[in-house]
Amino acid sequence: MPNLKELKSRTTSVQATQKITRAMQMVAAAKLKKAQDHAQSARPYAIRMAKVMDNLVSSVKDITNAPALMVGNGNNETHLLIVATADRGLCGAFNSSIVKKAKLDVKLLKSEGKKIKILCIGKKGFDLLKREYNSNIVDTISLKHLKYIGYSDAEDIGKKVIRMFDAQEFDICTLYYAKFKSVMEQEPVGQKIIPLQIEKTLIVEGDDDKNENVIYDYEPDETDVMEALLPLNINMQLFQALLENAASEQGSRMSAMDNATRNAGDMIKKLTLQYNRSRQAIITKELIEIISGAEAI
């Protein structure tokens, strides 16, 4: 049984930890509001881009001459998985849930004999994947130095991915991230971005558009417009994914730190109770010794 000094030391240590977790919870709550606003502000652009691309795809008559970013290069052998996670931990299951979904797809693709390449956005994704798939990781991009994620940051990543595709380094590209739903819920998703795959949920979200039944005429033709818009669409999907990740990370961290603060409070109560009982037992023992000594005299 620990003595009073050990119990006091442990209680003090847990109290210090509780102060840290409470502070981290408050910081995460402040950052969550801004990250959530940024993610929600970008959603209308993502919805509009998805609707424009969907309209263009349905308008393209000659698929054989369509851009490779739209229809692929005709192969299905090499898959590039972009795993977007955080650069910091202490955010619950946020990082592990995204990596877990990516790992399931890696195992499935390997069982089909496909070649896998992994591009990590965020240090934690790399840390979780390097033990099993270090040979498959082609690069790691850290966004730790950024205070806020801007479109130019996603554009740089998009240009890198497009260069790799043009160099025939992969055939299909899938993006993994966590979609923010609430502080308690972040949904890990895997979204194919090359070749083009329209996210139908975005189309549904934009169904209140008053001009949805308008027929568009494109000049130059649809194929030329697609060639110009496809890189922008990839950048937009990456940007939206990074914003969703930022909000999900802070929401998950806020929830995790709240649970940690509560657990620390429960532990402090138990240690305090144990300390008081031990102290009372020592006092009772000393009183018995004093009384016994007095009676003996």
Protein backbone atom coordinates (compact mmCIF):
# COMPACT_ATOMS: atom_id res chain seq x y z
CA MET A 1 0.00 0.00 0.00
CA PRO A 2 1.50 3.42 -0.97
CA ASN A 3 2.43 5.75 1.86
CA LEU A 4 1.06 9.27 2.34
CA LYS A 5 3.95 10.92 0.54
CA GLU A 6 3.47 8.76 -2.56
CA LEU A 7 -0.28 9.38 -2.58
CA LYS A 8 0.23 13.13 -2.23
CA SER A 9 2.80 13.10 -5.03
CA ARG A 10 0.50 11.11 -7.34
CA THR A 11 -2.42 13.44 -6.61
CA THR A 12 -0.30 16.50 -7.40
CA SER A 13 0.87 14.88 -10.64
CA VAL A 14 -2.69 14.06 -11.76
CA GLN A 15 -3.83 17.60 -10.89
CA ALA A 16 -1.06 19.02 -13.09
CA THR A 17 -2.12 16.71 -15.91
CA GLN A 18 -5.72 17.78 -15.48
CA LYS A 19 -4.73 21.44 -15.86
CA ILE A 20 -2.95 20.60 -19.12
CA THR A 21 -5.87 18.61 -20.56
CA ARG A 22 -8.34 21.33 -19.58
CA ALA A 23 -6.18 23.97 -21.26
CA MET A 24 -5.84 21.82 -24.39
CA GLN A 25 -9.62 21.35 -24.45
CA MET A 26 -10.17 25.11 -24.34
CA VAL A 27 -7.59 25.72 -27.09
CA ALA A 28 -9.16 23.01 -29.26
CA ALA A 29 -12.62 24.54 -28.74
CA ALA A 30 -11.33 27.94 -29.90
CA LYS A 31 -9.59 26.45 -32.95
CA LEU A 32 -12.60 24.25 -33.76
CA LYS A 33 -14.86 27.26 -34.28
CA LYS A 34 -12.51 28.77 -36.86
CA ALA A 35 -11.78 25.44 -38.56
CA GLN A 36 -15.48 24.61 -38.72
CA ASP A 37 -16.28 28.01 -40.23
CA HIS A 38 -13.57 27.54 -42.88
CA ALA A 39 -14.82 24.04 -43.78
CA GLN A 40 -18.43 25.18 -44.03
CA SER A 41 -17.47 28.25 -46.07
CA ALA A 42 -15.68 26.07 -48.64
CA ARG A 43 -18.52 23.56 -49.03
CA PRO A 44 -20.62 25.73 -51.42
CA TYR A 45 -17.63 25.95 -53.78
CA ALA A 46 -17.12 22.18 -53.59
CA ILE A 47 -20.83 21.64 -54.29
CA ARG A 48 -20.79 24.01 -57.27
CA MET A 49 -17.63 22.42 -58.66
CA ALA A 50 -19.17 18.94 -58.33
CA LYS A 51 -22.32 20.07 -60.15
CA VAL A 52 -20.35 21.71 -62.96
CA MET A 53 -18.17 18.61 -63.39
CA ASP A 54 -21.24 16.35 -63.32
CA ASN A 55 -22.89 18.46 -66.02
CA LEU A 56 -19.73 18.41 -68.12
CA VAL A 57 -19.32 14.65 -67.84
CA SER A 58 -22.89 14.10 -69.00
CA SER A 59 -22.27 16.50 -71.92
CA VAL A 60 -19.09 14.86 -73.22
CA LYS A 61 -20.03 12.89 -76.32
CA ASP A 62 -16.72 11.31 -77.31
CA ILE A 63 -15.33 9.51 -74.24
CA THR A 64 -12.36 8.17 -76.22
CA ASN A 65 -10.95 11.70 -76.59
CA ALA A 66 -11.75 12.75 -73.04
CA PRO A 67 -8.86 13.91 -70.80
CA ALA A 68 -6.97 11.19 -68.93
CA LEU A 69 -7.73 12.85 -65.58
CA MET A 70 -11.41 12.21 -66.32
CA VAL A 71 -11.42 8.67 -67.67
CA GLY A 72 -8.02 7.37 -66.51
CA ASN A 73 -5.13 6.06 -68.55
CA GLY A 74 -6.72 2.69 -69.26
CA ASN A 75 -4.74 0.83 -66.59
CA ASN A 76 -5.65 -0.37 -63.12
CA GLU A 77 -2.37 -1.68 -61.77
CA THR A 78 -0.77 1.06 -59.64
CA HIS A 79 -2.81 2.83 -56.96
CA LEU A 80 -1.76 6.02 -55.20
CA LEU A 81 -3.33 6.43 -51.76
CA ILE A 82 -3.21 9.95 -50.30
CA VAL A 83 -3.62 9.53 -46.54
CA ALA A 84 -4.36 12.90 -44.91
CA THR A 85 -3.96 12.97 -41.13
CA ALA A 86 -2.71 15.43 -38.48
CA ASP A 87 0.83 16.41 -37.58
CA ARG A 88 0.01 16.21 -33.87
CA GLY A 89 -1.48 13.57 -31.62
CA LEU A 90 -3.70 13.71 -28.52
CA CYS A 91 -6.82 13.84 -30.68
CA GLY A 92 -8.50 10.53 -29.86
CA ALA A 93 -9.06 8.08 -32.69
CA PHE A 94 -8.91 10.74 -35.41
CA ASN A 95 -5.61 9.65 -36.97
CA SER A 96 -6.00 5.92 -36.38
CA SER A 97 -9.49 5.77 -37.92
CA ILE A 98 -8.27 7.30 -41.21
CA VAL A 99 -5.22 5.03 -41.31
CA LYS A 100 -7.35 2.00 -40.47
CA LYS A 101 -9.61 2.66 -43.46
CA ALA A 102 -6.59 3.11 -45.73
CA LYS A 103 -5.00 -0.11 -44.45
CA LEU A 104 -8.16 -2.09 -45.22
CA ASP A 105 -8.04 -0.88 -48.83
CA VAL A 106 -4.29 -1.58 -49.06
CA LYS A 107 -4.84 -5.19 -47.97
CA LEU A 108 -7.69 -5.58 -50.45
CA LEU A 109 -5.68 -4.12 -53.34
CA LYS A 110 -2.62 -6.23 -52.50
CA SER A 111 -4.78 -9.35 -52.45
CA GLU A 112 -5.78 -8.43 -56.01
CA GLY A 113 -2.13 -8.11 -57.02
CA LYS A 114 -2.12 -4.32 -57.36
CA LYS A 115 0.92 -2.12 -56.76
CA ILE A 116 0.51 0.38 -53.93
CA LYS A 117 2.05 3.81 -53.45
CA ILE A 118 1.25 5.97 -50.41
CA LEU A 119 1.52 9.75 -50.11
CA CYS A 120 1.18 10.88 -46.49
CA ILE A 121 -0.13 14.33 -45.60
CA GLY A 122 0.63 14.74 -41.90
CA LYS A 123 3.31 13.18 -39.70
CA LYS A 124 0.97 10.95 -37.69
CA GLY A 125 -0.22 9.06 -40.75
CA PHE A 126 3.39 8.36 -41.67
CA ASP A 127 4.17 7.18 -38.13
CA LEU A 128 1.23 4.75 -38.18
CA LEU A 129 1.98 3.39 -41.66
CA LYS A 130 5.78 3.20 -41.77
CA ARG A 131 6.08 -0.01 -39.77
CA GLU A 132 4.05 -2.08 -42.23
CA TYR A 133 4.26 -0.08 -45.46
CA ASN A 134 7.47 1.94 -45.30
CA SER A 135 8.56 0.65 -48.71
CA ASN A 136 5.27 1.84 -50.23
CA ILE A 137 5.47 5.42 -48.92
CA VAL A 138 6.70 7.73 -51.68
CA ASP A 139 6.58 11.03 -49.79
CA THR A 140 5.38 12.75 -46.61
CA ILE A 141 4.04 16.31 -46.58
CA SER A 142 3.87 18.19 -43.28
CA LEU A 143 1.48 21.10 -42.75
CA LYS A 144 2.62 21.68 -39.17
CA HIS A 145 4.12 25.07 -39.97
CA LEU A 146 0.79 26.44 -41.25
CA LYS A 147 -1.47 28.41 -38.95
CA TYR A 148 -4.38 28.00 -41.35
CA ILE A 149 -4.71 25.89 -44.49
CA GLY A 150 -5.04 27.91 -47.67
CA TYR A 151 -6.01 26.95 -51.21
CA SER A 152 -2.41 27.44 -52.36
CA ASP A 153 -1.30 24.66 -49.98
CA ALA A 154 -3.78 22.24 -51.55
CA GLU A 155 -2.80 23.48 -55.02
CA ASP A 156 0.85 22.58 -54.40
CA ILE A 157 -0.16 19.04 -53.44
CA GLY A 158 -2.52 18.83 -56.42
CA LYS A 159 0.24 19.85 -58.84
CA LYS A 160 2.52 17.19 -57.38
CA VAL A 161 -0.16 14.50 -57.81
CA ILE A 162 -0.91 15.57 -61.40
CA ARG A 163 2.82 15.51 -62.27
CA MET A 164 3.03 11.97 -60.91
CA PHE A 165 0.01 10.96 -62.99
CA ASP A 166 1.40 12.56 -66.16
CA ALA A 167 4.66 10.68 -65.53
CA GLN A 168 2.60 7.46 -65.35
CA GLU A 169 3.72 6.77 -61.78
CA PHE A 170 0.21 5.60 -60.87
CA ASP A 171 -3.12 4.80 -62.54
CA ILE A 172 -5.73 5.47 -59.84
CA CYS A 173 -5.61 7.92 -56.94
CA THR A 174 -7.74 7.76 -53.78
CA LEU A 175 -7.86 10.41 -51.06
CA TYR A 176 -8.44 9.45 -47.40
CA TYR A 177 -9.56 11.97 -44.81
CA ALA A 178 -12.14 12.49 -42.05
CA LYS A 179 -15.37 14.31 -42.88
CA PHE A 180 -16.50 16.58 -40.07
CA LYS A 181 -20.06 15.97 -38.88
CA SER A 182 -19.97 17.07 -35.25
CA VAL A 183 -17.65 17.31 -32.27
CA MET A 184 -18.52 13.71 -31.41
CA GLU A 185 -18.55 12.30 -34.94
CA GLN A 186 -15.94 12.41 -37.70
CA GLU A 187 -16.42 9.99 -40.58
CA PRO A 188 -13.31 8.58 -42.30
CA VAL A 189 -13.84 8.43 -46.06
CA GLY A 190 -11.93 7.24 -49.10
CA GLN A 191 -12.66 9.34 -52.21
CA LYS A 192 -11.36 8.53 -55.66
CA ILE A 193 -10.06 11.70 -57.35
CA ILE A 194 -8.27 10.21 -60.38
CA PRO A 195 -9.98 9.24 -62.62
CA LEU A 196 -12.82 11.66 -61.99
CA GLN A 197 -15.50 10.39 -59.65
CA ILE A 198 -18.29 12.80 -58.74
CA GLU A 199 -19.30 12.71 -55.09
CA LYS A 200 -23.07 12.38 -55.41
CA THR A 201 -23.68 13.53 -51.84
CA LEU A 202 -22.45 16.99 -52.87
CA ILE A 203 -24.87 16.99 -55.79
CA VAL A 204 -27.71 16.17 -53.41
CA GLU A 205 -26.66 18.95 -51.03
CA GLY A 206 -26.88 21.43 -53.90
CA ASP A 207 -30.34 20.38 -55.11
CA ASP A 208 -31.86 23.67 -53.93
CA ASP A 209 -30.12 25.47 -56.80
CA LYS A 210 -32.73 27.42 -58.78
CA ASN A 211 -30.77 26.98 -62.01
CA GLU A 212 -30.28 23.23 -61.79
CA ASN A 213 -32.40 22.53 -64.90
CA VAL A 214 -30.59 25.07 -67.08
CA ILE A 215 -28.92 23.66 -70.21
CA TYR A 216 -25.40 25.02 -70.77
CA ASP A 217 -23.55 25.54 -74.04
CA TYR A 218 -19.78 25.36 -73.66
CA GLU A 219 -17.26 27.29 -75.73
CA PRO A 220 -14.81 25.86 -76.53
CA ASP A 221 -16.23 22.35 -76.48
CA GLU A 222 -16.74 20.26 -73.33
CA THR A 223 -13.44 18.41 -73.67
CA ASP A 224 -11.38 21.60 -73.69
CA VAL A 225 -13.29 22.95 -70.71
CA MET A 226 -12.75 19.66 -68.88
CA GLU A 227 -8.99 19.83 -69.46
CA ALA A 228 -8.94 23.26 -67.81
CA LEU A 229 -11.27 22.39 -64.93
CA LEU A 230 -10.03 18.91 -63.97
CA PRO A 231 -6.83 20.15 -62.26
CA LEU A 232 -8.90 22.79 -60.45
CA ASN A 233 -11.34 20.10 -59.36
CA ILE A 234 -8.52 17.98 -57.91
CA ASN A 235 -7.16 21.01 -56.04
CA MET A 236 -10.63 21.82 -54.73
CA GLN A 237 -11.20 18.27 -53.49
CA LEU A 238 -7.84 18.29 -51.74
CA PHE A 239 -8.56 21.71 -50.22
CA GLN A 240 -11.98 20.63 -48.97
CA ALA A 241 -10.51 17.42 -47.53
CA LEU A 242 -7.80 19.33 -45.65
CA LEU A 243 -10.38 21.75 -44.23
CA GLU A 244 -12.63 18.88 -43.16
CA ASN A 245 -9.60 17.22 -41.56
CA ALA A 246 -8.68 20.39 -39.67
CA ALA A 247 -12.18 20.67 -38.20
CA SER A 248 -12.33 16.94 -37.44
CA GLU A 249 -8.93 17.04 -35.71
CA GLN A 250 -9.94 19.85 -33.36
CA GLY A 251 -13.33 18.29 -32.68
CA SER A 252 -11.75 14.95 -31.85
CA ARG A 253 -9.07 16.61 -29.69
CA MET A 254 -11.69 18.62 -27.81
CA SER A 255 -13.68 15.47 -27.08
CA ALA A 256 -10.56 13.48 -26.10
CA MET A 257 -9.28 16.20 -23.76
CA ASP A 258 -12.72 16.53 -22.17
CA ASN A 259 -12.72 12.79 -21.43
CA ALA A 260 -9.15 13.02 -20.13
CA THR A 261 -10.09 15.90 -17.82
CA ARG A 262 -13.05 13.95 -16.45
CA ASN A 263 -10.93 10.83 -15.92
CA ALA A 264 -8.28 12.89 -14.13
CA GLY A 265 -10.98 14.32 -11.86
CA ASP A 266 -12.22 10.81 -11.02
CA MET A 267 -8.66 9.67 -10.28
CA ILE A 268 -8.05 12.69 -8.03
CA LYS A 269 -11.18 11.83 -6.03
CA LYS A 270 -10.04 8.22 -5.60
CA LEU A 271 -6.51 9.23 -4.59
CA THR A 272 -7.84 11.84 -2.16
CA LEU A 273 -10.16 9.28 -0.57
CA GLN A 274 -7.33 6.76 -0.31
CA TYR A 275 -5.06 9.45 1.17
CA ASN A 276 -7.65 10.42 3.81
CA ARG A 277 -8.28 6.80 4.77
CA SER A 278 -4.55 6.08 5.08
CA ARG A 279 -4.04 9.25 7.11
CA GLN A 280 -6.94 8.38 9.41
CA ALA A 281 -5.58 4.87 9.88
CA ILE A 282 -2.18 6.26 10.89
CA ILE A 283 -3.78 8.73 13.33
CA THR A 284 -5.93 5.97 14.84
CA LYS A 285 -2.90 3.72 15.22
CA GLU A 286 -0.93 6.49 16.97
CA LEU A 287 -3.82 7.23 19.34
CA ILE A 288 -4.09 3.55 20.25
CA GLU A 289 -0.35 3.45 20.96
CA ILE A 290 -0.59 6.57 23.17
CA ILE A 291 -3.59 5.26 25.09
CA SER A 292 -2.01 1.82 25.50
CA GLY A 293 1.20 3.44 26.80
CA ALA A 294 -0.73 5.63 29.24
CA GLU A 295 -2.64 2.64 30.61
CA ALA A 296 0.56 0.67 31.02
CA ILE A 297 1.95 3.40 33.27
